[in-house]
């Protein structure tokens, strides 16, 4: 994952993984923005993996979908034409 801030207050984040869902990305971005703005502590990331503390899915507000852009998808064993 890489992050870049532009002069227009845009944040570019590159996420690479095997499988992501649209809402999963929006929740992840919202959580990172809350940490960056001091509304959550960085330890929340490790804390969310504690299934004894979080028995169900934690509920965080999702980041806006307006500036969220899916730039590229790569698939293993698929040849681009």
C-alpha atoms as a PDB file:
ATOM      1  CA  UNK A   1       0.000   0.000   0.000  1.00  0.00           C
ATOM      2  CA  UNK A   2       1.281   3.446  -0.925  1.00  0.00           C
ATOM      3  CA  UNK A   3      -0.189   6.827  -0.089  1.00  0.00           C
ATOM      4  CA  UNK A   4       0.285  10.196  -1.767  1.00  0.00           C
ATOM      5  CA  UNK A   5      -1.295  13.552  -0.884  1.00  0.00           C
ATOM      6  CA  UNK A   6      -1.872  16.065  -3.675  1.00  0.00           C
ATOM      7  CA  UNK A   7      -2.214  19.858  -3.396  1.00  0.00           C
ATOM      8  CA  UNK A   8      -5.981  19.501  -3.989  1.00  0.00           C
ATOM      9  CA  UNK A   9      -6.418  17.556  -0.719  1.00  0.00           C
ATOM     10  CA  UNK A  10      -6.790  14.271  -2.554  1.00  0.00           C
ATOM     11  CA  UNK A  11      -5.217  11.151  -1.149  1.00  0.00           C
ATOM     12  CA  UNK A  12      -4.094   8.450  -3.510  1.00  0.00           C
ATOM     13  CA  UNK A  13      -3.907   5.004  -1.955  1.00  0.00           C
ATOM     14  CA  UNK A  14      -2.856   1.926  -3.865  1.00  0.00           C
ATOM     15  CA  UNK A  15      -4.117  -1.328  -2.407  1.00  0.00           C
ATOM     16  CA  UNK A  16      -2.991  -4.662  -3.729  1.00  0.00           C
ATOM     17  CA  UNK A  17      -4.573  -7.922  -2.660  1.00  0.00           C
ATOM     18  CA  UNK A  18      -6.236 -11.124  -3.728  1.00  0.00           C
ATOM     19  CA  UNK A  19      -9.848 -10.080  -3.292  1.00  0.00           C
ATOM     20  CA  UNK A  20     -11.498  -6.882  -2.108  1.00  0.00           C
ATOM     21  CA  UNK A  21     -15.077  -5.751  -1.964  1.00  0.00           C
ATOM     22  CA  UNK A  22     -16.171  -2.194  -2.779  1.00  0.00           C
ATOM     23  CA  UNK A  23     -17.483  -1.561   0.740  1.00  0.00           C
ATOM     24  CA  UNK A  24     -14.411  -3.169   2.314  1.00  0.00           C
ATOM     25  CA  UNK A  25     -12.221  -0.567   0.612  1.00  0.00           C
ATOM     26  CA  UNK A  26     -14.533   2.280   1.666  1.00  0.00           C
ATOM     27  CA  UNK A  27     -14.520   1.156   5.313  1.00  0.00           C
ATOM     28  CA  UNK A  28     -10.725   0.713   5.245  1.00  0.00           C
ATOM     29  CA  UNK A  29     -10.232   4.222   3.844  1.00  0.00           C
ATOM     30  CA  UNK A  30     -12.661   5.715   6.381  1.00  0.00           C
ATOM     31  CA  UNK A  31     -10.787   4.016   9.215  1.00  0.00           C
ATOM     32  CA  UNK A  32      -7.418   5.258   7.946  1.00  0.00           C
ATOM     33  CA  UNK A  33      -8.809   8.796   7.659  1.00  0.00           C
ATOM     34  CA  UNK A  34     -10.141   8.611  11.243  1.00  0.00           C
ATOM     35  CA  UNK A  35      -6.710   7.493  12.454  1.00  0.00           C
ATOM     36  CA  UNK A  36      -5.009  10.262  10.480  1.00  0.00           C
ATOM     37  CA  UNK A  37      -7.329  12.906  11.900  1.00  0.00           C
ATOM     38  CA  UNK A  38      -6.860  11.674  15.479  1.00  0.00           C
ATOM     39  CA  UNK A  39     -10.433  10.353  15.884  1.00  0.00           C
ATOM     40  CA  UNK A  40      -9.140   6.785  16.316  1.00  0.00           C
ATOM     41  CA  UNK A  41      -5.844   5.482  17.637  1.00  0.00           C
ATOM     42  CA  UNK A  42      -3.587   3.440  15.308  1.00  0.00           C
ATOM     43  CA  UNK A  43      -3.957   0.481  17.691  1.00  0.00           C
ATOM     44  CA  UNK A  44      -7.545   0.064  16.445  1.00  0.00           C
ATOM     45  CA  UNK A  45      -6.185  -1.872  13.452  1.00  0.00           C
ATOM     46  CA  UNK A  46      -4.728  -4.657  15.618  1.00  0.00           C
ATOM     47  CA  UNK A  47      -7.701  -4.413  17.965  1.00  0.00           C
ATOM     48  CA  UNK A  48     -10.150  -5.152  15.144  1.00  0.00           C
ATOM     49  CA  UNK A  49      -8.520  -8.555  14.631  1.00  0.00           C
ATOM     50  CA  UNK A  50      -9.437  -9.545  18.212  1.00  0.00           C
ATOM     51  CA  UNK A  51     -12.526 -11.690  17.602  1.00  0.00           C
ATOM     52  CA  UNK A  52     -13.179 -11.979  21.329  1.00  0.00           C
ATOM     53  CA  UNK A  53     -13.588  -8.205  21.580  1.00  0.00           C
ATOM     54  CA  UNK A  54     -15.418  -7.804  18.271  1.00  0.00           C
ATOM     55  CA  UNK A  55     -17.789 -10.755  18.046  1.00  0.00           C
ATOM     56  CA  UNK A  56     -19.520  -9.336  14.992  1.00  0.00           C
ATOM     57  CA  UNK A  57     -18.635  -7.033  12.193  1.00  0.00           C
ATOM     58  CA  UNK A  58     -17.598  -3.624  13.582  1.00  0.00           C
ATOM     59  CA  UNK A  59     -19.662  -0.759  12.229  1.00  0.00           C
ATOM     60  CA  UNK A  60     -17.760   2.211  10.879  1.00  0.00           C
ATOM     61  CA  UNK A  61     -19.092   4.866   8.556  1.00  0.00           C
ATOM     62  CA  UNK A  62     -17.881   4.228   5.028  1.00  0.00           C
ATOM     63  CA  UNK A  63     -15.823   6.767   3.119  1.00  0.00           C
ATOM     64  CA  UNK A  64     -17.673   8.558   0.347  1.00  0.00           C
ATOM     65  CA  UNK A  65     -17.816   6.712  -2.948  1.00  0.00           C
ATOM     66  CA  UNK A  66     -17.709  10.003  -4.892  1.00  0.00           C
ATOM     67  CA  UNK A  67     -13.922  10.351  -5.245  1.00  0.00           C
ATOM     68  CA  UNK A  68     -13.253   6.603  -5.010  1.00  0.00           C
ATOM     69  CA  UNK A  69     -11.937   5.404  -8.348  1.00  0.00           C
ATOM     70  CA  UNK A  70     -11.129   1.853  -9.334  1.00  0.00           C
ATOM     71  CA  UNK A  71      -8.161   2.363 -11.582  1.00  0.00           C
ATOM     72  CA  UNK A  72      -7.094  -1.123 -12.567  1.00  0.00           C
ATOM     73  CA  UNK A  73      -7.703  -4.776 -11.852  1.00  0.00           C
ATOM     74  CA  UNK A  74      -5.235  -7.489 -12.655  1.00  0.00           C
ATOM     75  CA  UNK A  75      -6.187 -11.133 -12.808  1.00  0.00           C
ATOM     76  CA  UNK A  76      -3.807 -14.035 -12.510  1.00  0.00           C
ATOM     77  CA  UNK A  77      -3.548 -16.195 -15.651  1.00  0.00           C
ATOM     78  CA  UNK A  78      -5.485 -13.706 -17.790  1.00  0.00           C
ATOM     79  CA  UNK A  79      -3.777 -12.192 -20.796  1.00  0.00           C
ATOM     80  CA  UNK A  80      -4.573  -8.539 -21.615  1.00  0.00           C
ATOM     81  CA  UNK A  81      -5.465  -7.930 -25.233  1.00  0.00           C
END
